[in-house]
Amino acid sequence: MTPLELHLLMEAQVERNHDEMQREAVIAIMHEKAHREKRPKADDLYRRPDPDADRKLEEKAEQVKHAEEWLAQFEFE
């Protein structure tokens, strides 16, 4: 293994360690929030990302582009 390969592997391991610690911190926060709530619900602790969020974002970008084109026809002084 070359020194560069070793260095890249070490950097990757450090990143994995940081990811794991961040995951652990999120779990600790979720546990504490669940402990403090009177009647916790799963949605209070974690909401699954919307799979259609990218599509919705693209639609909104298209709407903004259309609005900009429409406004471009007017001349403001």
C-alpha atoms as a PDB file:
ATOM      1  CA  MET A   1       0.000   0.000   0.000  1.00  0.00           C
ATOM      2  CA  THR A   2       1.350   3.404  -0.934  1.00  0.00           C
ATOM      3  CA  PRO A   3       1.501   6.280   1.542  1.00  0.00           C
ATOM      4  CA  LEU A   4      -1.234   8.092  -0.403  1.00  0.00           C
ATOM      5  CA  GLU A   5      -3.551   5.088  -0.194  1.00  0.00           C
ATOM      6  CA  LEU A   6      -2.902   4.791   3.534  1.00  0.00           C
ATOM      7  CA  HIS A   7      -3.582   8.496   4.002  1.00  0.00           C
ATOM      8  CA  LEU A   8      -6.873   8.251   2.082  1.00  0.00           C
ATOM      9  CA  LEU A   9      -7.945   5.225   4.142  1.00  0.00           C
ATOM     10  CA  MET A  10      -7.137   7.066   7.362  1.00  0.00           C
ATOM     11  CA  GLU A  11      -9.134  10.135   6.273  1.00  0.00           C
ATOM     12  CA  ALA A  12     -12.074   7.914   5.329  1.00  0.00           C
ATOM     13  CA  GLN A  13     -11.971   6.249   8.752  1.00  0.00           C
ATOM     14  CA  VAL A  14     -11.943   9.621  10.504  1.00  0.00           C
ATOM     15  CA  GLU A  15     -15.010  10.657   8.476  1.00  0.00           C
ATOM     16  CA  ARG A  16     -16.766   7.388   9.388  1.00  0.00           C
ATOM     17  CA  ASN A  17     -15.991   8.074  13.050  1.00  0.00           C
ATOM     18  CA  HIS A  18     -17.467  11.573  12.773  1.00  0.00           C
ATOM     19  CA  ASP A  19     -20.580  10.199  11.052  1.00  0.00           C
ATOM     20  CA  GLU A  20     -21.020   7.600  13.782  1.00  0.00           C
ATOM     21  CA  MET A  21     -20.657  10.200  16.550  1.00  0.00           C
ATOM     22  CA  GLN A  22     -23.189  12.436  14.843  1.00  0.00           C
ATOM     23  CA  ARG A  23     -25.610   9.508  14.556  1.00  0.00           C
ATOM     24  CA  GLU A  24     -25.095   8.724  18.243  1.00  0.00           C
ATOM     25  CA  ALA A  25     -25.787  12.364  19.157  1.00  0.00           C
ATOM     26  CA  VAL A  26     -29.039  12.332  17.198  1.00  0.00           C
ATOM     27  CA  ILE A  27     -30.102   9.117  18.930  1.00  0.00           C
ATOM     28  CA  ALA A  28     -29.306  10.633  22.344  1.00  0.00           C
ATOM     29  CA  ILE A  29     -31.382  13.713  21.533  1.00  0.00           C
ATOM     30  CA  MET A  30     -34.264  11.520  20.356  1.00  0.00           C
ATOM     31  CA  HIS A  31     -34.131   9.477  23.565  1.00  0.00           C
ATOM     32  CA  GLU A  32     -34.142  12.600  25.728  1.00  0.00           C
ATOM     33  CA  LYS A  33     -37.003  14.184  23.772  1.00  0.00           C
ATOM     34  CA  ALA A  34     -39.031  10.972  24.040  1.00  0.00           C
ATOM     35  CA  HIS A  35     -38.330  10.850  27.785  1.00  0.00           C
ATOM     36  CA  ARG A  36     -39.513  14.435  28.326  1.00  0.00           C
ATOM     37  CA  GLU A  37     -42.708  14.195  26.246  1.00  0.00           C
ATOM     38  CA  LYS A  38     -45.923  13.076  27.900  1.00  0.00           C
ATOM     39  CA  ARG A  39     -47.145  11.186  24.853  1.00  0.00           C
ATOM     40  CA  PRO A  40     -44.414  11.096  22.234  1.00  0.00           C
ATOM     41  CA  LYS A  41     -45.232  10.155  18.659  1.00  0.00           C
ATOM     42  CA  ALA A  42     -42.809   8.839  16.106  1.00  0.00           C
ATOM     43  CA  ASP A  43     -43.314  11.969  13.975  1.00  0.00           C
ATOM     44  CA  ASP A  44     -42.256  14.154  16.896  1.00  0.00           C
ATOM     45  CA  LEU A  45     -38.884  12.424  16.933  1.00  0.00           C
ATOM     46  CA  TYR A  46     -38.203  11.717  13.273  1.00  0.00           C
ATOM     47  CA  ARG A  47     -39.884  12.594  10.021  1.00  0.00           C
ATOM     48  CA  ARG A  48     -38.984  10.584   6.980  1.00  0.00           C
ATOM     49  CA  PRO A  49     -37.814  12.810   4.105  1.00  0.00           C
ATOM     50  CA  ASP A  50     -40.369  13.346   1.369  1.00  0.00           C
ATOM     51  CA  PRO A  51     -39.338  11.264  -1.680  1.00  0.00           C
ATOM     52  CA  ASP A  52     -41.080  13.744  -3.981  1.00  0.00           C
ATOM     53  CA  ALA A  53     -39.218  16.758  -2.568  1.00  0.00           C
ATOM     54  CA  ASP A  54     -36.836  16.935  -5.549  1.00  0.00           C
ATOM     55  CA  ARG A  55     -39.715  16.796  -8.020  1.00  0.00           C
ATOM     56  CA  LYS A  56     -41.598  19.487  -6.103  1.00  0.00           C
ATOM     57  CA  LEU A  57     -38.478  21.654  -6.028  1.00  0.00           C
ATOM     58  CA  GLU A  58     -38.076  21.313  -9.795  1.00  0.00           C
ATOM     59  CA  GLU A  59     -41.741  22.261 -10.301  1.00  0.00           C
ATOM     60  CA  LYS A  60     -41.324  25.343  -8.130  1.00  0.00           C
ATOM     61  CA  ALA A  61     -38.169  26.328 -10.027  1.00  0.00           C
ATOM     62  CA  GLU A  62     -40.115  26.014 -13.282  1.00  0.00           C
ATOM     63  CA  GLN A  63     -42.892  28.209 -11.861  1.00  0.00           C
ATOM     64  CA  VAL A  64     -40.364  30.858 -10.831  1.00  0.00           C
ATOM     65  CA  LYS A  65     -38.780  30.766 -14.285  1.00  0.00           C
ATOM     66  CA  HIS A  66     -42.203  31.202 -15.889  1.00  0.00           C
ATOM     67  CA  ALA A  67     -43.005  34.126 -13.555  1.00  0.00           C
ATOM     68  CA  GLU A  68     -39.671  35.791 -14.373  1.00  0.00           C
ATOM     69  CA  GLU A  69     -40.346  35.439 -18.095  1.00  0.00           C
ATOM     70  CA  TRP A  70     -43.816  36.932 -17.643  1.00  0.00           C
ATOM     71  CA  LEU A  71     -42.453  39.849 -15.614  1.00  0.00           C
ATOM     72  CA  ALA A  72     -39.719  40.453 -18.211  1.00  0.00           C
ATOM     73  CA  GLN A  73     -42.338  41.618 -20.703  1.00  0.00           C
ATOM     74  CA  PHE A  74     -43.002  44.722 -18.597  1.00  0.00           C
ATOM     75  CA  GLU A  75     -40.720  47.723 -18.495  1.00  0.00           C
ATOM     76  CA  PHE A  76     -40.402  49.416 -15.144  1.00  0.00           C
ATOM     77  CA  GLU A  77     -39.039  52.936 -14.971  1.00  0.00           C
END
